[in-house]
Amino acid sequence: MQHGPHRPASVPRPIALDQLPRGASATVLSLHPAPGDAQQALPLRLMEIGFLPGERVRVLARGFPAADPLAVRVGQATFALRRHEAALVQVQPEAPQGRAA
C-alpha cells in the first residue's frame, strides 16, 4: 500500500474532533465555519475558549447514548462540546504510543 510522499504510514490523517476516540489526544489544525453561519460565530467562540491551531486537545468522555456531548480538555480547561461543534475543529491525532514500526 502506498502512502503520500509527505505522510509516513505511522502518521494518522487529520480528522474532525468529533471523530477522535475517547482518551485520544490530538493537535488542533484549524477551525471551519458552520454551515449557514455567515458571521462565523461558532468558530470564533471556539477560538476564544482555547481551540487554537497548535493547541493539544484530548477527548475525556462521550455522552450516552449518542456520544453527545463530548468532554474535551484543551490546555488546563475542560469543556463540553456538542458533536456539531466538535465537528468544526480539524485535528491531527497523535501517533499511537508503544507500537513498533
C-alpha atoms as a PDB file:
ATOM      1  CA  MET A   1       0.000   0.000   0.000  1.00  0.00           C
ATOM      2  CA  GLN A   2       1.406   3.385  -0.958  1.00  0.00           C
ATOM      3  CA  HIS A   3       1.184   6.467   1.187  1.00  0.00           C
ATOM      4  CA  GLY A   4       1.505  10.087   0.093  1.00  0.00           C
ATOM      5  CA  PRO A   5       5.049  11.391  -0.349  1.00  0.00           C
ATOM      6  CA  HIS A   6       4.803  13.530   2.793  1.00  0.00           C
ATOM      7  CA  ARG A   7       2.879  11.225   5.134  1.00  0.00           C
ATOM      8  CA  PRO A   8       4.610   8.185   6.643  1.00  0.00           C
ATOM      9  CA  ALA A   9       2.396   5.178   7.301  1.00  0.00           C
ATOM     10  CA  SER A  10       2.595   5.764  11.076  1.00  0.00           C
ATOM     11  CA  VAL A  11       1.178   9.328  10.951  1.00  0.00           C
ATOM     12  CA  PRO A  12      -2.641   9.384  11.245  1.00  0.00           C
ATOM     13  CA  ARG A  13      -4.634  11.547   8.841  1.00  0.00           C
ATOM     14  CA  PRO A  14      -6.260  14.767  10.091  1.00  0.00           C
ATOM     15  CA  ILE A  15      -9.841  14.296  11.283  1.00  0.00           C
ATOM     16  CA  ALA A  16     -12.625  16.312  12.872  1.00  0.00           C
ATOM     17  CA  LEU A  17     -12.500  16.462  16.679  1.00  0.00           C
ATOM     18  CA  ASP A  18     -15.864  14.676  16.955  1.00  0.00           C
ATOM     19  CA  GLN A  19     -14.218  11.610  15.330  1.00  0.00           C
ATOM     20  CA  LEU A  20     -11.331  11.423  17.823  1.00  0.00           C
ATOM     21  CA  PRO A  21     -11.727   8.356  20.076  1.00  0.00           C
ATOM     22  CA  ARG A  22     -12.239   8.719  23.828  1.00  0.00           C
ATOM     23  CA  GLY A  23      -8.875   9.018  25.576  1.00  0.00           C
ATOM     24  CA  ALA A  24      -7.034  10.040  22.406  1.00  0.00           C
ATOM     25  CA  SER A  25      -5.036  13.252  22.050  1.00  0.00           C
ATOM     26  CA  ALA A  26      -4.506  15.459  19.019  1.00  0.00           C
ATOM     27  CA  THR A  27      -3.289  18.881  17.939  1.00  0.00           C
ATOM     28  CA  VAL A  28      -5.718  21.492  16.616  1.00  0.00           C
ATOM     29  CA  LEU A  29      -5.016  22.302  12.966  1.00  0.00           C
ATOM     30  CA  SER A  30      -7.866  24.647  12.035  1.00  0.00           C
ATOM     31  CA  LEU A  31     -11.496  25.583  12.600  1.00  0.00           C
ATOM     32  CA  HIS A  32     -14.143  25.544   9.890  1.00  0.00           C
ATOM     33  CA  PRO A  33     -17.275  27.685   9.708  1.00  0.00           C
ATOM     34  CA  ALA A  34     -20.591  26.027  10.469  1.00  0.00           C
ATOM     35  CA  PRO A  35     -22.952  25.623   7.502  1.00  0.00           C
ATOM     36  CA  GLY A  36     -25.132  28.735   7.299  1.00  0.00           C
ATOM     37  CA  ASP A  37     -23.051  30.598   9.893  1.00  0.00           C
ATOM     38  CA  ALA A  38     -22.433  33.785   7.896  1.00  0.00           C
ATOM     39  CA  GLN A  39     -20.765  35.540  10.834  1.00  0.00           C
ATOM     40  CA  GLN A  40     -18.637  32.507  11.759  1.00  0.00           C
ATOM     41  CA  ALA A  41     -19.768  32.995  15.363  1.00  0.00           C
ATOM     42  CA  LEU A  42     -19.251  29.387  16.443  1.00  0.00           C
ATOM     43  CA  PRO A  43     -15.627  29.046  15.243  1.00  0.00           C
ATOM     44  CA  LEU A  44     -14.833  32.415  16.836  1.00  0.00           C
ATOM     45  CA  ARG A  45     -16.333  31.254  20.135  1.00  0.00           C
ATOM     46  CA  LEU A  46     -14.301  28.032  19.993  1.00  0.00           C
ATOM     47  CA  MET A  47     -11.126  30.066  19.415  1.00  0.00           C
ATOM     48  CA  GLU A  48     -11.997  32.373  22.323  1.00  0.00           C
ATOM     49  CA  ILE A  49     -12.173  29.425  24.725  1.00  0.00           C
ATOM     50  CA  GLY A  50      -8.838  27.991  23.572  1.00  0.00           C
ATOM     51  CA  PHE A  51      -9.333  25.829  20.473  1.00  0.00           C
ATOM     52  CA  LEU A  52      -6.461  27.444  18.574  1.00  0.00           C
ATOM     53  CA  PRO A  53      -4.143  25.934  15.944  1.00  0.00           C
ATOM     54  CA  GLY A  54      -1.244  24.209  17.684  1.00  0.00           C
ATOM     55  CA  GLU A  55      -3.128  23.538  20.944  1.00  0.00           C
ATOM     56  CA  ARG A  56      -3.224  19.971  22.249  1.00  0.00           C
ATOM     57  CA  VAL A  57      -6.688  18.517  22.900  1.00  0.00           C
ATOM     58  CA  ARG A  58      -7.916  15.272  24.431  1.00  0.00           C
ATOM     59  CA  VAL A  59     -11.368  13.670  24.400  1.00  0.00           C
ATOM     60  CA  LEU A  60     -12.095  12.694  28.008  1.00  0.00           C
ATOM     61  CA  ALA A  61     -15.620  11.310  27.675  1.00  0.00           C
ATOM     62  CA  ARG A  62     -18.625  10.981  25.391  1.00  0.00           C
ATOM     63  CA  GLY A  63     -22.254  11.294  26.373  1.00  0.00           C
ATOM     64  CA  PHE A  64     -24.662   8.392  26.256  1.00  0.00           C
ATOM     65  CA  PRO A  65     -26.374   7.124  24.128  1.00  0.00           C
ATOM     66  CA  ALA A  66     -25.484   9.250  21.088  1.00  0.00           C
ATOM     67  CA  ALA A  67     -21.926  10.288  22.099  1.00  0.00           C
ATOM     68  CA  ASP A  68     -23.239  13.813  22.636  1.00  0.00           C
ATOM     69  CA  PRO A  69     -21.830  15.948  24.213  1.00  0.00           C
ATOM     70  CA  LEU A  70     -18.088  15.323  24.320  1.00  0.00           C
ATOM     71  CA  ALA A  71     -15.926  16.298  27.290  1.00  0.00           C
ATOM     72  CA  VAL A  72     -12.771  17.776  25.767  1.00  0.00           C
ATOM     73  CA  ARG A  73      -9.666  19.077  27.523  1.00  0.00           C
ATOM     74  CA  VAL A  74      -7.751  21.917  25.906  1.00  0.00           C
ATOM     75  CA  GLY A  75      -4.865  23.351  27.896  1.00  0.00           C
ATOM     76  CA  GLN A  76      -5.855  23.238  31.581  1.00  0.00           C
ATOM     77  CA  ALA A  77      -9.604  23.581  30.937  1.00  0.00           C
ATOM     78  CA  THR A  78     -12.314  21.020  30.201  1.00  0.00           C
ATOM     79  CA  PHE A  79     -15.317  21.859  28.014  1.00  0.00           C
ATOM     80  CA  ALA A  80     -18.486  20.059  26.974  1.00  0.00           C
ATOM     81  CA  LEU A  81     -18.926  20.368  23.212  1.00  0.00           C
ATOM     82  CA  ARG A  82     -21.853  19.172  21.140  1.00  0.00           C
ATOM     83  CA  ARG A  83     -20.825  16.897  18.295  1.00  0.00           C
ATOM     84  CA  HIS A  84     -21.751  19.536  15.690  1.00  0.00           C
ATOM     85  CA  GLU A  85     -19.416  21.992  17.473  1.00  0.00           C
ATOM     86  CA  ALA A  86     -16.562  19.490  17.727  1.00  0.00           C
ATOM     87  CA  ALA A  87     -17.006  18.666  14.029  1.00  0.00           C
ATOM     88  CA  LEU A  88     -15.802  22.190  13.176  1.00  0.00           C
ATOM     89  CA  VAL A  89     -12.384  21.574  14.782  1.00  0.00           C
ATOM     90  CA  GLN A  90      -9.872  19.858  12.473  1.00  0.00           C
ATOM     91  CA  VAL A  91      -7.196  17.963  14.427  1.00  0.00           C
ATOM     92  CA  GLN A  92      -4.069  15.899  13.807  1.00  0.00           C
ATOM     93  CA  PRO A  93      -4.274  12.794  16.018  1.00  0.00           C
ATOM     94  CA  GLU A  94      -1.119  11.803  17.848  1.00  0.00           C
ATOM     95  CA  ALA A  95       0.573   8.666  16.591  1.00  0.00           C
ATOM     96  CA  PRO A  96      -0.226   5.647  18.782  1.00  0.00           C
ATOM     97  CA  GLN A  97       2.360   5.144  21.532  1.00  0.00           C
ATOM     98  CA  GLY A  98       4.262   1.928  22.100  1.00  0.00           C
ATOM     99  CA  ARG A  99       3.847   0.424  18.644  1.00  0.00           C
ATOM    100  CA  ALA A 100       6.835  -0.938  16.794  1.00  0.00           C
ATOM    101  CA  ALA A 101       7.230   0.297  13.230  1.00  0.00           C
END
